[in-house]
Amino acid sequence: MKRRPIDILARLLAVALIAVMVMSGAAACAANTRVITKAPQLAAMVKEGKNRGNPGPISITKGRLVSRFGRSQDVYLVTFSGTELVLNQSTDVISDVLSGFNTNNAYYYNAVKVIREHVDKGSRLVLAGTSLGGMVAQQVAANPTIKKEYEVLNTVGFGSPLLSQGFREGTIRRLGDWADPVPYLSINTFTAPIRSIFGLNREKSVYKLPIQAHINSYVLDKPWGKYDATGTRNGGAKLVLDMSTRVFYPAPIFDLSAFRR
C-alpha cells in the first residue's frame, strides 16, 4: 500500500522526537558525571566538605574505579575534609590532637558511623581526606569493623601525617608539599620515622610559606597533576562518579538529633 506524504512526515517526526529524547537523556547523564583523573581534582572534591557545617564535612558518592588497563570496579568514594572550626562539628583541634596520637576521636567515630549507616555492606571503598580528614581516612581504613564489612581499596591523604601503620586495608598514598610540615605532625613520626618520612610523596609547589602550602597546594595541577585518582604517581587510574548520588553528612561532637524530633 502506498504511504501518503502525511504518514511519512509523521513517522519522521516520531523518529526525530525519539532521537532528541535519547540525546537529552545522555546529556543529563553526562551532566551528573564527574571524571577524576588527577589527584588535584580529588583534593578539590574533598575540600567541598568545608561548607561551614551545612550540610557537613563527610560525603559519599557512588561511582566506578577504572584502572589504566580498563578494569572497572563499582566503588563508593568517601571524602573527609580537614580542620574547620564550626559549632558542634568534630573537625576541631581536639580531633586533630587525638587523631595525631592515633586515638579515638569524634570525627573518626562519625566517619565509621556514616559509612555503616549509608553504604551497603560488602561494598568497595575509596577513602580520601585532607589534613585531619586524611588522618581520619587512615583510621577508618584500619578500623576492624570497616575491614570486616567492606573492602577498602585505596586511601588518599593530602597533607596528612602517617597513622595506623600495619593495620590499614588497601593501598595508602600520602601526598605532601615540601613546604608543608603537617604530614609529620603525628606520633608515628617518632614511632615509625622511616615510613613516615619515606612513605610520603613529596613535591614542590609555588608556595613557600607552610600555611599556604598546606591550604592551597594540593589542588594545583602543577606539581600534583602527575598523580592519578588513587594518589599514584603516573598511575593512570580514574574515578567515574555519579554526582547525583553524592550526599554530605554532618560530623557532630554531640548528637542533638533526638532533641529535634
Protein backbone atom coordinates (compact mmCIF):
# COMPACT_ATOMS: atom_id res chain seq x y z
CA MET A 1 0.00 0.00 0.00
CA LYS A 2 1.34 3.38 -0.95
CA ARG A 3 2.07 5.61 2.03
CA ARG A 4 0.75 9.14 1.97
CA PRO A 5 3.22 12.02 2.44
CA ILE A 6 1.50 12.91 5.72
CA ASP A 7 2.20 9.40 7.10
CA ILE A 8 5.85 9.59 6.10
CA LEU A 9 6.17 13.00 7.73
CA ALA A 10 4.57 11.74 10.93
CA ARG A 11 7.00 8.80 11.07
CA LEU A 12 9.97 11.09 10.51
CA LEU A 13 8.79 13.41 13.27
CA ALA A 14 8.37 10.46 15.66
CA VAL A 15 11.90 9.22 14.91
CA ALA A 16 13.29 12.74 15.41
CA LEU A 17 11.44 13.07 18.74
CA ILE A 18 12.83 9.76 19.99
CA ALA A 19 16.36 10.80 18.96
CA VAL A 20 16.03 14.09 20.83
CA MET A 21 14.79 12.30 23.96
CA VAL A 22 17.68 9.82 23.84
CA MET A 23 20.22 12.61 23.35
CA SER A 24 18.68 14.64 26.17
CA GLY A 25 18.87 11.66 28.47
CA ALA A 26 22.51 11.09 27.57
CA ALA A 27 23.30 14.77 28.14
CA ALA A 28 21.59 14.70 31.55
CA CYS A 29 23.53 11.60 32.48
CA ALA A 30 26.80 13.23 31.39
CA ALA A 31 25.95 16.35 33.38
CA ASN A 32 25.71 14.23 36.55
CA THR A 33 29.04 12.52 35.93
CA ARG A 34 32.38 13.75 37.24
CA VAL A 35 35.52 12.04 35.98
CA ILE A 36 38.55 12.39 38.24
CA THR A 37 41.80 11.51 36.52
CA LYS A 38 44.23 13.53 38.66
CA ALA A 39 44.89 13.92 42.37
CA PRO A 40 44.23 17.71 42.37
CA GLN A 41 40.68 17.06 41.16
CA LEU A 42 40.19 14.66 44.05
CA ALA A 43 41.64 17.17 46.51
CA ALA A 44 39.25 19.83 45.22
CA MET A 45 36.32 17.48 45.72
CA VAL A 46 37.43 16.73 49.28
CA LYS A 47 37.62 20.46 50.05
CA GLU A 48 33.96 20.86 49.11
CA GLY A 49 33.26 19.39 52.53
CA LYS A 50 34.43 22.67 54.05
CA ASN A 51 30.93 24.11 53.94
CA ARG A 52 30.60 25.60 57.44
CA GLY A 53 28.73 22.55 58.64
CA ASN A 54 25.93 22.84 56.12
CA PRO A 55 25.48 20.07 55.24
CA GLY A 56 28.71 18.61 56.66
CA PRO A 57 32.34 17.52 56.12
CA ILE A 58 31.76 13.87 55.10
CA SER A 59 30.49 12.93 51.65
CA ILE A 60 29.64 9.64 49.95
CA THR A 61 29.39 9.23 46.17
CA LYS A 62 28.73 6.15 44.06
CA GLY A 63 31.00 5.53 41.10
CA ARG A 64 33.49 3.31 39.38
CA LEU A 65 37.24 2.98 39.80
CA VAL A 66 38.80 2.33 36.40
CA SER A 67 42.42 1.17 36.16
CA ARG A 68 44.79 2.31 33.42
CA PHE A 69 44.17 -1.08 31.77
CA GLY A 70 40.39 -0.56 31.71
CA ARG A 71 39.37 -2.78 34.61
CA SER A 72 36.32 -1.24 36.27
CA GLN A 73 35.04 -1.77 39.81
CA ASP A 74 31.97 -0.33 41.48
CA VAL A 75 33.03 1.77 44.47
CA TYR A 76 31.86 4.33 46.95
CA LEU A 77 34.10 7.38 47.27
CA VAL A 78 34.05 8.65 50.85
CA THR A 79 35.68 12.04 51.49
CA PHE A 80 36.65 13.77 54.72
CA SER A 81 37.50 17.47 54.73
CA GLY A 82 40.11 18.95 57.08
CA THR A 83 40.12 21.13 60.17
CA GLU A 84 37.27 23.63 60.28
CA LEU A 85 36.02 25.37 63.41
CA VAL A 86 32.24 25.06 63.30
CA LEU A 87 29.83 24.94 66.24
CA ASN A 88 29.24 21.31 67.26
CA GLN A 89 31.34 19.89 64.44
CA SER A 90 34.13 17.44 65.21
CA THR A 91 36.59 18.87 62.67
CA ASP A 92 38.20 20.71 65.57
CA VAL A 93 41.60 20.98 67.21
CA ILE A 94 40.70 18.29 69.74
CA SER A 95 40.16 15.80 66.92
CA ASP A 96 43.43 16.98 65.38
CA VAL A 97 45.37 16.19 68.55
CA LEU A 98 43.62 12.90 69.30
CA SER A 99 43.94 11.71 65.72
CA GLY A 100 47.60 12.75 65.64
CA PHE A 101 48.16 10.38 68.55
CA ASN A 102 46.21 7.72 66.65
CA THR A 103 43.46 7.56 69.26
CA ASN A 104 39.69 7.59 69.01
CA ASN A 105 38.02 10.93 68.38
CA ALA A 106 34.60 12.28 67.48
CA TYR A 107 35.39 12.80 63.78
CA TYR A 108 36.62 9.23 63.44
CA TYR A 109 33.54 7.96 65.28
CA ASN A 110 31.27 9.90 62.92
CA ALA A 111 33.15 8.65 59.86
CA VAL A 112 32.68 4.98 60.77
CA LYS A 113 29.05 5.58 61.75
CA VAL A 114 28.18 7.34 58.49
CA ILE A 115 29.73 4.62 56.34
CA ARG A 116 28.00 1.79 58.20
CA GLU A 117 24.62 3.56 58.03
CA HIS A 118 24.72 4.71 54.40
CA VAL A 119 26.93 2.29 52.42
CA ASP A 120 25.78 -1.23 51.59
CA LYS A 121 27.75 -3.92 53.39
CA GLY A 122 30.25 -5.69 51.17
CA SER A 123 30.89 -2.59 49.04
CA ARG A 124 34.32 -1.44 47.92
CA LEU A 125 35.54 1.88 49.32
CA VAL A 126 37.91 4.59 48.16
CA LEU A 127 38.72 6.99 51.01
CA ALA A 128 40.18 10.49 50.62
CA GLY A 129 40.86 13.34 53.01
CA THR A 130 42.87 16.48 53.51
CA SER A 131 44.90 17.18 56.66
CA LEU A 132 42.76 15.97 59.60
CA GLY A 133 40.44 14.30 57.10
CA GLY A 134 43.36 12.29 55.71
CA MET A 135 44.26 11.11 59.20
CA VAL A 136 40.68 10.05 59.84
CA ALA A 137 40.60 8.27 56.47
CA GLN A 138 43.62 6.19 57.52
CA GLN A 139 41.97 5.39 60.85
CA VAL A 140 38.84 4.28 59.02
CA ALA A 141 40.94 2.05 56.73
CA ALA A 142 42.33 0.39 59.88
CA ASN A 143 39.01 0.03 61.69
CA PRO A 144 38.28 -3.68 62.33
CA THR A 145 34.55 -3.34 61.69
CA ILE A 146 35.05 -1.47 58.42
CA LYS A 147 37.59 -4.05 57.24
CA LYS A 148 35.17 -6.85 58.11
CA GLU A 149 32.09 -5.32 56.46
CA TYR A 150 33.71 -3.56 53.47
CA GLU A 151 36.71 -3.76 51.17
CA VAL A 152 38.91 -0.67 51.34
CA LEU A 153 40.73 -0.41 48.01
CA ASN A 154 42.52 2.93 48.29
CA THR A 155 43.10 5.73 50.76
CA VAL A 156 44.50 9.10 49.69
CA GLY A 157 45.68 11.71 52.18
CA PHE A 158 46.57 15.27 51.20
CA GLY A 159 48.89 16.98 53.68
CA SER A 160 48.22 14.26 56.25
CA PRO A 161 50.56 12.52 58.71
CA LEU A 162 51.06 8.76 58.83
CA LEU A 163 48.59 6.86 61.04
CA SER A 164 47.68 3.26 61.81
CA GLN A 165 50.70 1.74 60.08
CA GLY A 166 50.38 -2.02 59.67
CA PHE A 167 46.63 -2.12 60.32
CA ARG A 168 45.21 -0.30 57.30
CA GLU A 169 43.48 -2.16 54.49
CA GLY A 170 44.20 -1.39 50.84
CA THR A 171 46.72 0.91 49.22
CA ILE A 172 47.63 4.11 51.06
CA ARG A 173 49.03 7.19 49.31
CA ARG A 174 50.07 10.32 51.20
CA LEU A 175 50.90 13.48 49.25
CA GLY A 176 52.86 16.27 50.94
CA ASP A 177 54.20 19.60 49.76
CA TRP A 178 57.88 20.20 50.60
CA ALA A 179 56.88 23.39 52.45
CA ASP A 180 54.07 21.71 54.38
CA PRO A 181 55.12 20.44 57.85
CA VAL A 182 51.72 18.95 58.74
CA PRO A 183 52.43 15.49 57.19
CA TYR A 184 54.92 14.94 60.02
CA LEU A 185 52.69 16.03 62.91
CA SER A 186 51.74 12.67 64.35
CA ILE A 187 53.09 10.21 66.88
CA ASN A 188 54.21 7.96 64.01
CA THR A 189 56.94 10.43 63.06
CA PHE A 190 58.67 9.21 66.22
CA THR A 191 57.46 5.60 66.37
CA ALA A 192 57.81 4.85 62.63
CA PRO A 193 60.10 7.58 61.23
CA ILE A 194 61.22 5.70 58.12
CA ARG A 195 57.68 5.01 56.92
CA SER A 196 56.52 8.45 57.99
CA ILE A 197 59.24 10.24 56.03
CA PHE A 198 59.90 7.97 53.06
CA GLY A 199 56.28 6.89 52.66
CA LEU A 200 55.33 10.47 51.82
CA ASN A 201 55.14 11.52 48.17
CA ARG A 202 56.68 15.00 48.21
CA GLU A 203 56.57 17.70 45.55
CA LYS A 204 57.42 21.40 45.41
CA SER A 205 54.72 23.92 44.55
CA VAL A 206 54.79 27.69 44.16
CA TYR A 207 54.10 28.15 47.86
CA LYS A 208 56.94 28.82 50.30
CA LEU A 209 55.01 29.60 53.47
CA PRO A 210 53.91 26.46 55.36
CA ILE A 211 50.32 27.61 55.90
CA GLN A 212 49.90 28.49 52.22
CA ALA A 213 51.38 25.18 51.10
CA HIS A 214 49.14 23.23 53.45
CA ILE A 215 45.93 25.00 52.47
CA ASN A 216 46.42 25.73 48.78
CA SER A 217 48.97 23.36 47.26
CA TYR A 218 47.06 20.13 46.72
CA VAL A 219 44.51 21.41 44.21
CA LEU A 220 47.27 22.62 41.86
CA ASP A 221 47.81 20.71 38.64
CA LYS A 222 51.48 21.55 38.93
CA PRO A 223 53.02 19.60 40.63
CA TRP A 224 50.22 17.19 41.64
CA GLY A 225 48.76 16.55 38.19
CA LYS A 226 51.22 13.69 37.68
CA TYR A 227 49.38 11.68 40.38
CA ASP A 228 46.21 9.81 39.44
CA ALA A 229 42.85 9.47 41.22
CA THR A 230 44.35 7.00 43.71
CA GLY A 231 47.33 9.23 44.51
CA THR A 232 49.68 7.03 42.48
CA ARG A 233 52.41 8.79 40.52
CA ASN A 234 51.86 8.18 36.79
CA GLY A 235 49.30 5.54 37.72
CA GLY A 236 46.57 6.17 35.16
CA ALA A 237 43.57 5.18 37.34
CA LYS A 238 40.43 7.31 37.30
CA LEU A 239 37.19 7.66 39.21
CA VAL A 240 33.94 7.99 37.26
CA LEU A 241 31.43 9.38 39.75
CA ASP A 242 27.65 9.70 39.62
CA MET A 243 27.27 13.10 41.24
CA SER A 244 23.51 12.71 41.54
CA THR A 245 24.24 10.18 44.32
CA ARG A 246 26.56 12.43 46.33
CA VAL A 247 25.35 13.16 49.84
CA PHE A 248 27.06 15.18 52.58
CA TYR A 249 26.78 14.19 56.22
CA PRO A 250 27.41 16.07 59.47
CA ALA A 251 30.06 15.04 61.99
CA PRO A 252 28.76 16.42 65.30
CA ILE A 253 30.61 16.49 68.58
CA PHE A 254 27.31 15.94 70.38
CA ASP A 255 24.44 14.18 68.65
CA LEU A 256 21.48 16.51 69.13
CA SER A 257 19.17 14.77 66.66
CA ALA A 258 16.99 13.34 69.44
CA PHE A 259 16.13 16.85 70.58
CA ARG A 260 14.98 17.89 67.08
CA ARG A 261 12.21 15.31 66.82
